[in-house]
Amino acid sequence: MAAAAAAALQQSTAALKGRNPAVRGAAAPISTAVRSLPLRSSSSIAAIPGALRLSRTAVVGAVRRRRRSGGATMMDTAAGSYAAALTDVAKANGTLEATSADMDKLSTIFSDESVYKYFANPTVSVESKLELVGDIAKTSSLQPHTANFLSILVEMKRTELVKEIAKEFEKCYNRLTGTEVAVVTSVVPLESQHLAQIAKSIQRLTKAKNVRVKTTLDPSLVAGFTIRYGSSGSKFIDMSVKKQLAEIAKQLDFSDITLAS
């Protein structure tokens, strides 16, 4: 998905320069592929059945209310407001699961530096960025309301929040579906049956309706694995050999031994 979006940025700027002087000399060209979704501007979205209904006024009001409540940075507050608006639409459309998958895709796509920089480039016109939104929607099979949501972020110049919005949306999704997220870190990828066993164990510990397992790799563990779960990853289970070696060294009081990090 990220590769497909990045590939769109590698197209020649020749055709684009001819019809869009605003991006002359821009470092990141845009694909001229035909869009598969009829993207709309924020002013016309309300007329589309089932589309995202989100206005600048509503978002600004939500941001101000969240800021008055305190305890969050400006970026977190804005991301939370956008995520809440998207969650409301997904609930109304009965597409929470599919929208969650869409936001995972967008988070991955915007982790690509070339994609992020293209949307952040002020010399590239909004029209051109919306065209790339169409390419992303097509190659990633985004739902219409998710594609429209991304187009609104482009128009409001808030695409730098995409990854944060994805995180906030995941929190909303987890609360609504009773899902516990467990991050499993190991030296090598674990077999699916082992991950399933871990998920069942976390479900028993947390009494959650659902458990979503995310995996990462860390060679410094030597062997075994760790599990982080709970609110903001507050709970931690360490089944790694690295921990066992550290405990042995502590018991034997080998103060002159330093374990590799």
Protein backbone atom coordinates (compact mmCIF):
# COMPACT_ATOMS: atom_id res chain seq x y z
CA MET A 1 0.00 0.00 0.00
CA ALA A 2 2.71 2.47 0.96
CA ALA A 3 4.77 1.31 -2.00
CA ALA A 4 1.84 1.89 -4.35
CA ALA A 5 1.28 5.37 -2.99
CA ALA A 6 4.98 6.15 -3.16
CA ALA A 7 5.10 4.86 -6.71
CA ALA A 8 2.47 7.42 -7.65
CA LEU A 9 4.90 10.12 -6.57
CA GLN A 10 7.51 8.92 -9.05
CA GLN A 11 5.50 9.89 -12.14
CA SER A 12 6.85 12.62 -14.40
CA THR A 13 5.94 16.24 -13.58
CA ALA A 14 5.74 17.24 -17.23
CA ALA A 15 1.98 16.86 -17.65
CA LEU A 16 1.28 18.30 -14.22
CA LYS A 17 3.38 21.43 -14.80
CA GLY A 18 1.51 22.11 -18.00
CA ARG A 19 -1.85 22.32 -16.25
CA ASN A 20 -0.87 23.35 -12.74
CA PRO A 21 1.69 26.18 -12.46
CA ALA A 22 1.43 26.09 -8.67
CA VAL A 23 3.62 23.00 -8.53
CA ARG A 24 6.36 24.02 -10.96
CA GLY A 25 9.65 22.82 -9.58
CA ALA A 26 8.00 20.74 -6.83
CA ALA A 27 10.25 17.93 -5.66
CA ALA A 28 7.51 15.31 -5.46
CA PRO A 29 5.40 14.86 -8.65
CA ILE A 30 1.93 13.37 -8.60
CA SER A 31 0.39 10.51 -10.53
CA THR A 32 -2.09 11.38 -13.27
CA ALA A 33 -3.94 8.09 -12.90
CA VAL A 34 -7.71 8.28 -13.16
CA ARG A 35 -9.38 8.30 -9.76
CA SER A 36 -11.81 5.48 -9.01
CA LEU A 37 -13.78 7.36 -6.35
CA PRO A 38 -15.80 10.56 -6.81
CA LEU A 39 -14.06 12.64 -4.15
CA ARG A 40 -15.93 15.71 -2.99
CA SER A 41 -14.94 18.96 -1.38
CA SER A 42 -15.97 19.50 2.22
CA SER A 43 -18.69 21.93 1.13
CA SER A 44 -20.54 19.30 -0.91
CA ILE A 45 -20.08 16.20 1.22
CA ALA A 46 -23.33 16.70 3.11
CA ALA A 47 -25.24 15.97 -0.09
CA ILE A 48 -23.68 12.51 -0.49
CA PRO A 49 -25.66 9.70 1.19
CA GLY A 50 -23.51 7.89 3.73
CA ALA A 51 -20.52 10.16 3.16
CA LEU A 52 -18.56 11.83 5.89
CA ARG A 53 -20.36 14.89 7.23
CA LEU A 54 -17.66 16.98 8.83
CA SER A 55 -17.44 20.76 8.75
CA ARG A 56 -14.62 23.06 9.73
CA THR A 57 -16.89 24.70 12.32
CA ALA A 58 -17.73 21.37 13.94
CA VAL A 59 -14.09 20.32 14.14
CA VAL A 60 -12.89 23.66 15.53
CA GLY A 61 -15.65 23.55 18.13
CA ALA A 62 -14.71 20.00 19.13
CA VAL A 63 -11.04 20.93 19.39
CA ARG A 64 -11.80 23.92 21.61
CA ARG A 65 -13.99 21.83 23.90
CA ARG A 66 -11.27 19.19 24.25
CA ARG A 67 -8.61 21.85 24.90
CA ARG A 68 -10.71 23.34 27.69
CA SER A 69 -10.89 19.89 29.28
CA GLY A 70 -7.08 19.95 29.54
CA GLY A 71 -4.56 17.13 29.70
CA ALA A 72 -3.67 16.87 26.02
CA THR A 73 -1.31 18.53 23.59
CA MET A 74 -2.72 20.52 20.68
CA MET A 75 -1.87 17.73 18.21
CA ASP A 76 -3.44 15.05 20.42
CA THR A 77 -6.54 17.20 20.86
CA ALA A 78 -7.00 17.85 17.15
CA ALA A 79 -6.30 14.21 16.26
CA GLY A 80 -8.80 13.06 18.87
CA SER A 81 -11.47 15.39 17.50
CA TYR A 82 -11.01 14.15 13.94
CA ALA A 83 -10.95 10.54 15.12
CA ALA A 84 -14.16 11.05 17.09
CA ALA A 85 -15.88 12.51 14.02
CA LEU A 86 -14.77 9.58 11.87
CA THR A 87 -15.87 7.12 14.56
CA ASP A 88 -19.36 8.63 14.60
CA VAL A 89 -19.66 8.17 10.84
CA ALA A 90 -18.34 4.60 10.98
CA LYS A 91 -20.82 3.75 13.75
CA ALA A 92 -23.71 5.26 11.79
CA ASN A 93 -22.71 3.35 8.65
CA GLY A 94 -22.03 0.11 10.49
CA THR A 95 -18.47 0.08 9.15
CA LEU A 96 -16.32 0.27 12.29
CA GLU A 97 -14.30 -2.81 11.35
CA ALA A 98 -13.71 -1.74 7.76
CA THR A 99 -12.89 1.83 8.78
CA SER A 100 -10.38 0.53 11.31
CA ALA A 101 -8.70 -1.41 8.50
CA ASP A 102 -8.70 1.74 6.35
CA MET A 103 -6.99 3.77 9.06
CA ASP A 104 -4.34 1.08 9.49
CA LYS A 105 -3.66 1.37 5.75
CA LEU A 106 -3.41 5.17 5.90
CA SER A 107 -1.08 5.01 8.89
CA THR A 108 1.23 2.72 6.94
CA ILE A 109 1.04 4.87 3.80
CA PHE A 110 1.82 8.10 5.65
CA SER A 111 4.76 6.42 7.36
CA ASP A 112 6.42 6.60 3.95
CA GLU A 113 8.51 9.77 4.04
CA SER A 114 7.94 10.61 0.37
CA VAL A 115 4.16 10.48 0.81
CA TYR A 116 4.26 12.52 4.02
CA LYS A 117 6.49 15.20 2.47
CA TYR A 118 4.36 15.44 -0.65
CA PHE A 119 1.21 16.24 1.31
CA ALA A 120 3.14 18.62 3.59
CA ASN A 121 4.63 20.51 0.62
CA PRO A 122 2.94 23.96 0.49
CA THR A 123 3.97 24.46 -3.17
CA VAL A 124 1.77 21.56 -4.28
CA SER A 125 -1.83 22.58 -4.94
CA VAL A 126 -4.77 21.13 -3.03
CA GLU A 127 -6.19 19.90 -6.34
CA SER A 128 -3.05 17.87 -7.01
CA LYS A 129 -3.05 16.42 -3.51
CA LEU A 130 -6.69 15.42 -3.91
CA GLU A 131 -5.72 13.62 -7.10
CA LEU A 132 -3.21 11.57 -5.13
CA VAL A 133 -5.93 10.87 -2.56
CA GLY A 134 -7.83 9.29 -5.44
CA ASP A 135 -4.81 7.14 -6.31
CA ILE A 136 -4.45 6.05 -2.69
CA ALA A 137 -8.17 5.28 -2.42
CA LYS A 138 -7.97 3.15 -5.55
CA THR A 139 -4.81 1.19 -4.76
CA SER A 140 -5.78 0.67 -1.10
CA SER A 141 -9.49 -0.01 -1.71
CA LEU A 142 -10.57 2.62 0.80
CA GLN A 143 -14.23 3.09 1.58
CA PRO A 144 -15.79 6.26 0.11
CA HIS A 145 -16.22 7.93 3.51
CA THR A 146 -12.59 7.23 4.43
CA ALA A 147 -11.39 8.69 1.14
CA ASN A 148 -13.60 11.74 1.70
CA PHE A 149 -12.21 12.05 5.22
CA LEU A 150 -8.67 12.14 3.84
CA SER A 151 -9.71 14.76 1.28
CA ILE A 152 -11.02 16.95 4.11
CA LEU A 153 -7.69 16.66 5.92
CA VAL A 154 -6.00 17.79 2.70
CA GLU A 155 -8.32 20.78 2.33
CA MET A 156 -7.85 21.75 5.98
CA LYS A 157 -4.08 21.26 5.70
CA ARG A 158 -3.99 18.71 8.52
CA THR A 159 -2.53 15.65 6.80
CA GLU A 160 0.38 15.75 9.26
CA LEU A 161 -2.13 14.35 11.77
CA VAL A 162 -3.02 11.21 9.81
CA LYS A 163 -0.90 8.83 11.90
CA GLU A 164 -2.05 10.41 15.17
CA ILE A 165 -5.67 10.26 14.04
CA ALA A 166 -5.20 6.57 13.25
CA LYS A 167 -3.94 5.99 16.80
CA GLU A 168 -6.86 7.90 18.31
CA PHE A 169 -9.33 6.06 16.09
CA GLU A 170 -7.89 2.76 17.27
CA LYS A 171 -8.56 3.82 20.87
CA CYS A 172 -12.16 4.67 19.99
CA TYR A 173 -12.55 1.38 18.14
CA ASN A 174 -11.10 -0.61 21.04
CA ARG A 175 -13.46 1.03 23.54
CA LEU A 176 -16.52 0.43 21.39
CA THR A 177 -15.68 -3.19 20.58
CA GLY A 178 -14.16 -4.22 23.92
CA THR A 179 -10.82 -4.94 22.26
CA GLU A 180 -7.55 -5.30 24.17
CA VAL A 181 -4.34 -4.67 22.22
CA ALA A 182 -1.32 -6.83 23.04
CA VAL A 183 2.08 -5.99 21.55
CA VAL A 184 4.21 -9.13 21.31
CA THR A 185 7.94 -8.60 20.80
CA SER A 186 10.18 -11.51 19.84
CA VAL A 187 13.53 -12.24 18.22
CA VAL A 188 11.96 -13.99 15.23
CA PRO A 189 8.34 -14.03 14.01
CA LEU A 190 6.17 -16.33 16.12
CA GLU A 191 3.95 -19.00 14.60
CA SER A 192 0.26 -18.14 14.26
CA GLN A 193 -0.75 -20.83 16.76
CA HIS A 194 1.60 -19.34 19.36
CA LEU A 195 0.12 -15.88 18.82
CA ALA A 196 -3.36 -17.38 19.17
CA GLN A 197 -2.36 -18.91 22.51
CA ILE A 198 -0.99 -15.57 23.68
CA ALA A 199 -4.23 -13.86 22.64
CA LYS A 200 -6.28 -16.36 24.65
CA SER A 201 -4.06 -15.82 27.69
CA ILE A 202 -4.45 -12.04 27.48
CA GLN A 203 -8.20 -12.45 27.06
CA ARG A 204 -8.35 -14.51 30.26
CA LEU A 205 -6.27 -11.92 32.12
CA THR A 206 -8.22 -8.88 30.94
CA LYS A 207 -11.71 -10.36 30.42
CA ALA A 208 -11.77 -8.48 27.11
CA LYS A 209 -14.29 -9.45 24.43
CA ASN A 210 -11.59 -9.35 21.77
CA VAL A 211 -7.80 -9.31 21.68
CA ARG A 212 -5.77 -7.80 18.87
CA VAL A 213 -2.15 -8.92 18.68
CA LYS A 214 0.52 -6.68 17.16
CA THR A 215 4.01 -8.04 16.60
CA THR A 216 7.46 -6.46 16.60
CA LEU A 217 10.99 -7.89 16.44
CA ASP A 218 13.88 -7.23 18.82
CA PRO A 219 17.06 -9.35 18.44
CA SER A 220 18.38 -8.11 21.80
CA LEU A 221 15.91 -10.38 23.61
CA VAL A 222 18.18 -13.35 22.68
CA ALA A 223 15.17 -15.70 22.72
CA GLY A 224 11.63 -15.82 24.06
CA PHE A 225 9.23 -12.89 23.90
CA THR A 226 7.63 -10.00 25.78
CA ILE A 227 3.99 -8.89 25.91
CA ARG A 228 2.82 -5.35 26.59
CA TYR A 229 -0.88 -4.67 27.09
CA GLY A 230 -3.31 -2.63 29.18
CA SER A 231 -4.02 1.09 29.09
CA SER A 232 -1.19 2.75 27.14
CA GLY A 233 0.83 -0.47 27.46
CA SER A 234 0.97 -0.19 31.24
CA LYS A 235 1.24 -3.95 31.85
CA PHE A 236 4.25 -5.98 30.84
CA ILE A 237 5.08 -9.69 30.73
CA ASP A 238 8.72 -10.59 30.09
CA MET A 239 9.39 -14.16 28.96
CA SER A 240 12.69 -13.37 27.26
CA VAL A 241 16.05 -15.05 27.80
CA LYS A 242 17.56 -11.60 28.20
CA LYS A 243 15.55 -11.09 31.38
CA GLN A 244 16.46 -14.54 32.68
CA LEU A 245 20.16 -13.86 32.13
CA ALA A 246 19.85 -10.52 33.89
CA GLU A 247 18.18 -12.19 36.88
CA ILE A 248 20.87 -14.89 37.05
CA ALA A 249 23.61 -12.25 36.95
CA LYS A 250 21.87 -10.33 39.72
CA GLN A 251 21.52 -13.41 41.92
CA LEU A 252 25.18 -14.32 41.45
CA ASP A 253 26.18 -10.69 41.99
CA PHE A 254 28.40 -10.61 38.92
CA SER A 255 28.64 -6.85 39.02
CA ASP A 256 31.43 -6.81 36.47
CA ILE A 257 29.29 -8.52 33.81
CA THR A 258 27.44 -6.26 31.40
CA LEU A 259 24.73 -7.79 29.23
CA ALA A 260 24.48 -6.61 25.64
CA SER A 261 21.55 -4.27 25.08
